[in-house]
Amino acid sequence: MMNKKATRVRRARKTRAKISELKAVRLTVFRSNLHIYAQIISGCGSRVLAAASTVEAAVRGDATNGGNVAAAVSVGKAIAERAKAAGVETVAFDRAGFHYHGRVKALAEAAREAGLKF
């Protein structure tokens, strides 16, 4: 029997394999019930170039809850700004097996609006 995490990781494997094959810089998203995290990982896969999450008070702003769409939007904007500061313009979006819906979608669209290309 597979649990939720195992099925998510299985979904993520194919995407990750393709991205590593392309040697592309990737924007990885992780969401828990309370928070959402985003990282920009280098093409070789060994260095984190930028990171943002709702754990940081600066990113969350005045939102009290880190686990909603509004918080995901602020993380999306923050990661796009930090990526540009690190000299990254284009990324491959790695949703880590999460469905492209709700908070994951909100983060991706906010990052696109803030000027990140993927």
N, C-alpha and C. Protein backbone atom coordinates (compact mmCIF):
# COMPACT_ATOMS: atom_id res chain seq x y z
N MET A 1 0.83 -1.20 0.00
CA MET A 1 0.00 0.00 0.00
C MET A 1 0.87 1.26 0.00
N MET A 2 0.51 2.22 -0.81
CA MET A 2 1.28 3.46 -0.84
C MET A 2 0.56 4.54 -0.04
N ASN A 3 1.34 5.29 0.70
CA ASN A 3 0.74 6.40 1.44
C ASN A 3 0.83 7.69 0.62
N LYS A 4 0.28 8.76 1.17
CA LYS A 4 0.25 10.03 0.43
C LYS A 4 1.64 10.52 0.03
N LYS A 5 2.59 10.41 0.96
CA LYS A 5 3.92 10.92 0.67
C LYS A 5 4.59 10.11 -0.43
N ALA A 6 4.46 8.79 -0.36
CA ALA A 6 5.08 7.92 -1.36
C ALA A 6 4.53 8.20 -2.76
N THR A 7 3.23 8.43 -2.87
CA THR A 7 2.65 8.71 -4.18
C THR A 7 3.12 10.06 -4.70
N ARG A 8 3.24 11.04 -3.79
CA ARG A 8 3.72 12.36 -4.20
C ARG A 8 5.17 12.27 -4.69
N VAL A 9 6.01 11.57 -3.97
CA VAL A 9 7.42 11.43 -4.35
C VAL A 9 7.54 10.69 -5.68
N ARG A 10 6.67 9.69 -5.91
CA ARG A 10 6.66 8.97 -7.18
C ARG A 10 6.29 9.90 -8.33
N ARG A 11 5.31 10.78 -8.08
CA ARG A 11 4.94 11.78 -9.10
C ARG A 11 6.10 12.74 -9.37
N ALA A 12 6.85 13.06 -8.33
CA ALA A 12 7.94 14.04 -8.46
C ALA A 12 9.13 13.47 -9.24
N ARG A 13 9.32 12.17 -9.16
CA ARG A 13 10.53 11.55 -9.73
C ARG A 13 10.71 11.81 -11.21
N LYS A 14 9.63 11.70 -11.98
CA LYS A 14 9.71 11.88 -13.44
C LYS A 14 10.11 13.31 -13.80
N THR A 15 9.47 14.27 -13.12
CA THR A 15 9.78 15.69 -13.37
C THR A 15 11.23 15.99 -13.04
N ARG A 16 11.69 15.50 -11.88
CA ARG A 16 13.05 15.76 -11.45
C ARG A 16 14.06 15.15 -12.42
N ALA A 17 13.76 13.97 -12.92
CA ALA A 17 14.67 13.31 -13.87
C ALA A 17 14.81 14.15 -15.14
N LYS A 18 13.70 14.66 -15.63
CA LYS A 18 13.70 15.48 -16.84
C LYS A 18 14.48 16.78 -16.62
N ILE A 19 14.25 17.43 -15.47
CA ILE A 19 14.92 18.70 -15.18
C ILE A 19 16.43 18.49 -15.05
N SER A 20 16.84 17.41 -14.37
CA SER A 20 18.28 17.15 -14.21
C SER A 20 18.93 16.80 -15.54
N GLU A 21 18.16 16.17 -16.42
CA GLU A 21 18.64 15.86 -17.77
C GLU A 21 18.92 17.14 -18.55
N LEU A 22 18.06 18.14 -18.37
CA LEU A 22 18.22 19.42 -19.06
C LEU A 22 19.27 20.31 -18.41
N LYS A 23 19.74 19.93 -17.23
CA LYS A 23 20.70 20.72 -16.44
C LYS A 23 20.17 22.14 -16.22
N ALA A 24 18.86 22.24 -15.97
CA ALA A 24 18.22 23.55 -15.80
C ALA A 24 18.20 23.95 -14.33
N VAL A 25 18.24 25.25 -14.10
CA VAL A 25 18.06 25.78 -12.75
C VAL A 25 16.60 25.55 -12.41
N ARG A 26 16.31 25.02 -11.20
CA ARG A 26 14.91 24.71 -10.91
C ARG A 26 14.36 25.46 -9.71
N LEU A 27 13.07 25.75 -9.79
CA LEU A 27 12.33 26.36 -8.69
C LEU A 27 11.53 25.24 -8.05
N THR A 28 11.93 24.83 -6.85
CA THR A 28 11.27 23.73 -6.16
C THR A 28 10.32 24.26 -5.10
N VAL A 29 9.17 23.66 -5.01
CA VAL A 29 8.16 24.07 -4.04
C VAL A 29 7.89 22.92 -3.08
N PHE A 30 7.78 23.23 -1.81
CA PHE A 30 7.33 22.25 -0.82
C PHE A 30 6.24 22.90 -0.01
N ARG A 31 5.14 22.16 0.19
CA ARG A 31 4.09 22.73 1.01
C ARG A 31 3.73 21.77 2.14
N SER A 32 3.61 22.34 3.33
CA SER A 32 3.12 21.57 4.47
C SER A 32 1.79 22.21 4.86
N ASN A 33 1.14 21.69 5.87
CA ASN A 33 -0.14 22.27 6.27
C ASN A 33 0.01 23.71 6.77
N LEU A 34 1.13 23.99 7.44
CA LEU A 34 1.31 25.30 8.05
C LEU A 34 2.08 26.29 7.18
N HIS A 35 2.96 25.79 6.33
CA HIS A 35 3.86 26.69 5.59
C HIS A 35 4.03 26.26 4.14
N ILE A 36 4.64 27.16 3.35
CA ILE A 36 5.03 26.82 1.98
C ILE A 36 6.45 27.35 1.76
N TYR A 37 7.27 26.55 1.11
CA TYR A 37 8.68 26.85 0.93
C TYR A 37 9.02 26.82 -0.55
N ALA A 38 9.95 27.69 -0.97
CA ALA A 38 10.40 27.68 -2.36
C ALA A 38 11.92 27.84 -2.37
N GLN A 39 12.58 27.09 -3.26
CA GLN A 39 14.03 27.19 -3.39
C GLN A 39 14.40 27.23 -4.86
N ILE A 40 15.44 28.02 -5.16
CA ILE A 40 16.02 28.01 -6.50
C ILE A 40 17.30 27.18 -6.38
N ILE A 41 17.35 26.05 -7.12
CA ILE A 41 18.48 25.13 -7.02
C ILE A 41 19.25 25.15 -8.34
N SER A 42 20.58 25.18 -8.23
CA SER A 42 21.44 25.28 -9.41
C SER A 42 21.28 24.08 -10.34
N GLY A 43 21.75 24.24 -11.58
CA GLY A 43 21.63 23.20 -12.59
C GLY A 43 22.30 21.89 -12.20
N CYS A 44 23.39 21.98 -11.44
CA CYS A 44 24.08 20.75 -11.01
C CYS A 44 23.33 20.09 -9.86
N GLY A 45 22.40 20.81 -9.25
CA GLY A 45 21.57 20.23 -8.20
C GLY A 45 22.20 20.22 -6.83
N SER A 46 23.34 20.88 -6.68
CA SER A 46 24.03 20.81 -5.39
C SER A 46 24.03 22.13 -4.61
N ARG A 47 23.61 23.23 -5.26
CA ARG A 47 23.64 24.52 -4.57
C ARG A 47 22.27 25.20 -4.58
N VAL A 48 21.90 25.72 -3.41
CA VAL A 48 20.67 26.51 -3.32
C VAL A 48 21.07 27.96 -3.57
N LEU A 49 20.51 28.54 -4.65
CA LEU A 49 20.88 29.91 -5.03
C LEU A 49 20.02 30.95 -4.31
N ALA A 50 18.77 30.58 -4.03
CA ALA A 50 17.87 31.49 -3.33
C ALA A 50 16.77 30.67 -2.65
N ALA A 51 16.23 31.21 -1.57
CA ALA A 51 15.15 30.51 -0.87
C ALA A 51 14.20 31.52 -0.24
N ALA A 52 12.95 31.12 -0.13
CA ALA A 52 11.95 31.95 0.55
C ALA A 52 10.89 31.03 1.13
N SER A 53 10.35 31.39 2.27
CA SER A 53 9.29 30.58 2.86
C SER A 53 8.46 31.42 3.82
N THR A 54 7.31 30.87 4.21
CA THR A 54 6.43 31.58 5.13
C THR A 54 6.93 31.49 6.57
N VAL A 55 8.01 30.75 6.79
CA VAL A 55 8.60 30.69 8.12
C VAL A 55 9.22 32.04 8.47
N GLU A 56 9.73 32.73 7.43
CA GLU A 56 10.34 34.05 7.64
C GLU A 56 9.24 35.09 7.84
N ALA A 57 9.35 35.87 8.88
CA ALA A 57 8.34 36.90 9.16
C ALA A 57 8.33 37.96 8.07
N ALA A 58 9.51 38.24 7.49
CA ALA A 58 9.61 39.27 6.45
C ALA A 58 8.79 38.91 5.22
N VAL A 59 8.79 37.63 4.86
CA VAL A 59 8.06 37.18 3.68
C VAL A 59 6.56 37.14 3.95
N ARG A 60 6.20 36.64 5.11
CA ARG A 60 4.79 36.46 5.44
C ARG A 60 4.08 37.80 5.57
N GLY A 61 4.81 38.81 6.02
CA GLY A 61 4.22 40.15 6.15
C GLY A 61 3.16 40.19 7.23
N ASP A 62 1.99 40.70 6.89
CA ASP A 62 0.94 40.83 7.90
C ASP A 62 0.00 39.63 7.94
N ALA A 63 0.22 38.65 7.05
CA ALA A 63 -0.61 37.45 7.05
C ALA A 63 -0.30 36.61 8.28
N THR A 64 -1.32 36.24 9.02
CA THR A 64 -1.09 35.47 10.24
C THR A 64 -0.92 33.99 9.94
N ASN A 65 -1.51 33.54 8.82
CA ASN A 65 -1.48 32.13 8.47
C ASN A 65 -0.50 31.90 7.32
N GLY A 66 0.44 30.99 7.51
CA GLY A 66 1.41 30.69 6.45
C GLY A 66 0.92 29.64 5.48
N GLY A 67 -0.22 29.04 5.76
CA GLY A 67 -0.71 27.94 4.94
C GLY A 67 -1.88 28.29 4.06
N ASN A 68 -1.93 29.52 3.55
CA ASN A 68 -3.03 29.88 2.64
C ASN A 68 -2.50 30.48 1.35
N VAL A 69 -3.41 30.75 0.42
CA VAL A 69 -3.03 31.24 -0.91
C VAL A 69 -2.33 32.59 -0.84
N ALA A 70 -2.79 33.47 0.04
CA ALA A 70 -2.18 34.80 0.17
C ALA A 70 -0.71 34.68 0.57
N ALA A 71 -0.42 33.77 1.47
CA ALA A 71 0.96 33.55 1.91
C ALA A 71 1.79 32.98 0.76
N ALA A 72 1.19 32.09 -0.02
CA ALA A 72 1.89 31.49 -1.16
C ALA A 72 2.25 32.54 -2.20
N VAL A 73 1.35 33.52 -2.40
CA VAL A 73 1.60 34.61 -3.35
C VAL A 73 2.79 35.44 -2.88
N SER A 74 2.86 35.74 -1.58
CA SER A 74 3.98 36.54 -1.08
C SER A 74 5.31 35.78 -1.19
N VAL A 75 5.28 34.47 -1.01
CA VAL A 75 6.50 33.66 -1.18
C VAL A 75 6.91 33.66 -2.65
N GLY A 76 5.94 33.58 -3.56
CA GLY A 76 6.23 33.61 -4.99
C GLY A 76 6.92 34.90 -5.41
N LYS A 77 6.41 36.02 -4.90
CA LYS A 77 7.04 37.32 -5.21
C LYS A 77 8.45 37.39 -4.64
N ALA A 78 8.60 36.94 -3.39
CA ALA A 78 9.90 37.00 -2.72
C ALA A 78 10.94 36.15 -3.44
N ILE A 79 10.56 34.93 -3.85
CA ILE A 79 11.53 34.04 -4.50
C ILE A 79 11.94 34.61 -5.85
N ALA A 80 11.01 35.26 -6.56
CA ALA A 80 11.35 35.86 -7.85
C ALA A 80 12.35 37.00 -7.67
N GLU A 81 12.14 37.84 -6.65
CA GLU A 81 13.07 38.95 -6.38
C GLU A 81 14.45 38.42 -6.02
N ARG A 82 14.49 37.41 -5.15
CA ARG A 82 15.77 36.86 -4.71
C ARG A 82 16.49 36.14 -5.84
N ALA A 83 15.72 35.51 -6.74
CA ALA A 83 16.33 34.83 -7.88
C ALA A 83 16.99 35.85 -8.80
N LYS A 84 16.28 36.97 -9.04
CA LYS A 84 16.84 38.03 -9.89
C LYS A 84 18.10 38.60 -9.26
N ALA A 85 18.09 38.76 -7.94
CA ALA A 85 19.27 39.27 -7.23
C ALA A 85 20.44 38.31 -7.38
N ALA A 86 20.15 37.01 -7.48
CA ALA A 86 21.19 35.99 -7.66
C ALA A 86 21.56 35.81 -9.13
N GLY A 87 20.90 36.58 -10.01
CA GLY A 87 21.22 36.54 -11.43
C GLY A 87 20.52 35.43 -12.20
N VAL A 88 19.39 34.96 -11.67
CA VAL A 88 18.63 33.89 -12.34
C VAL A 88 17.38 34.49 -12.97
N GLU A 89 17.21 34.25 -14.28
CA GLU A 89 16.04 34.78 -14.99
C GLU A 89 15.06 33.66 -15.34
N THR A 90 15.61 32.54 -15.83
CA THR A 90 14.77 31.43 -16.28
C THR A 90 14.96 30.22 -15.39
N VAL A 91 13.88 29.55 -15.05
CA VAL A 91 13.94 28.36 -14.21
C VAL A 91 13.01 27.28 -14.76
N ALA A 92 13.20 26.06 -14.27
CA ALA A 92 12.25 24.98 -14.55
C ALA A 92 11.43 24.82 -13.27
N PHE A 93 10.11 24.74 -13.39
CA PHE A 93 9.26 24.66 -12.21
C PHE A 93 9.13 23.21 -11.76
N ASP A 94 9.58 22.94 -10.53
CA ASP A 94 9.51 21.61 -9.94
C ASP A 94 8.48 21.66 -8.83
N ARG A 95 7.29 21.10 -9.11
CA ARG A 95 6.23 21.16 -8.10
C ARG A 95 6.32 20.04 -7.08
N ALA A 96 7.38 19.23 -7.19
CA ALA A 96 7.69 18.17 -6.22
C ALA A 96 6.55 17.18 -6.02
N GLY A 97 5.81 16.91 -7.09
CA GLY A 97 4.73 15.94 -7.01
C GLY A 97 3.41 16.49 -6.49
N PHE A 98 3.42 17.74 -6.04
CA PHE A 98 2.17 18.36 -5.60
C PHE A 98 1.35 18.71 -6.83
N HIS A 99 0.04 18.62 -6.72
CA HIS A 99 -0.81 18.96 -7.86
C HIS A 99 -0.74 20.46 -8.11
N TYR A 100 -0.77 20.85 -9.39
CA TYR A 100 -0.69 22.27 -9.75
C TYR A 100 -2.06 22.89 -9.51
N HIS A 101 -2.29 23.27 -8.27
CA HIS A 101 -3.61 23.75 -7.87
C HIS A 101 -3.44 24.49 -6.55
N GLY A 102 -4.31 25.43 -6.29
CA GLY A 102 -4.31 26.10 -4.98
C GLY A 102 -3.04 26.86 -4.68
N ARG A 103 -2.39 26.50 -3.57
CA ARG A 103 -1.20 27.24 -3.12
C ARG A 103 -0.02 27.11 -4.05
N VAL A 104 0.18 25.92 -4.62
CA VAL A 104 1.30 25.70 -5.55
C VAL A 104 1.11 26.57 -6.80
N LYS A 105 -0.11 26.58 -7.31
CA LYS A 105 -0.44 27.39 -8.49
C LYS A 105 -0.28 28.88 -8.18
N ALA A 106 -0.75 29.30 -7.00
CA ALA A 106 -0.67 30.71 -6.60
C ALA A 106 0.79 31.17 -6.53
N LEU A 107 1.65 30.32 -5.96
CA LEU A 107 3.08 30.65 -5.85
C LEU A 107 3.69 30.78 -7.25
N ALA A 108 3.39 29.83 -8.13
CA ALA A 108 3.95 29.84 -9.48
C ALA A 108 3.53 31.08 -10.25
N GLU A 109 2.24 31.42 -10.18
CA GLU A 109 1.74 32.58 -10.92
C GLU A 109 2.31 33.89 -10.37
N ALA A 110 2.47 33.97 -9.06
CA ALA A 110 3.06 35.18 -8.45
C ALA A 110 4.52 35.33 -8.88
N ALA A 111 5.24 34.22 -8.95
CA ALA A 111 6.65 34.26 -9.37
C ALA A 111 6.75 34.70 -10.84
N ARG A 112 5.81 34.22 -11.67
CA ARG A 112 5.79 34.62 -13.08
C ARG A 112 5.51 36.11 -13.21
N GLU A 113 4.54 36.60 -12.45
CA GLU A 113 4.18 38.02 -12.51
C GLU A 113 5.33 38.90 -12.07
N ALA A 114 6.11 38.39 -11.10
CA ALA A 114 7.25 39.16 -10.60
C ALA A 114 8.46 39.08 -11.53
N GLY A 115 8.30 38.39 -12.66
CA GLY A 115 9.32 38.43 -13.70
C GLY A 115 10.20 37.20 -13.87
N LEU A 116 9.86 36.11 -13.19
CA LEU A 116 10.63 34.87 -13.36
C LEU A 116 10.05 34.11 -14.55
N LYS A 117 10.89 33.61 -15.43
CA LYS A 117 10.39 32.94 -16.63
C LYS A 117 10.44 31.43 -16.48
N PHE A 118 9.30 30.77 -16.66
CA PHE A 118 9.24 29.30 -16.70
C PHE A 118 7.93 28.84 -17.32
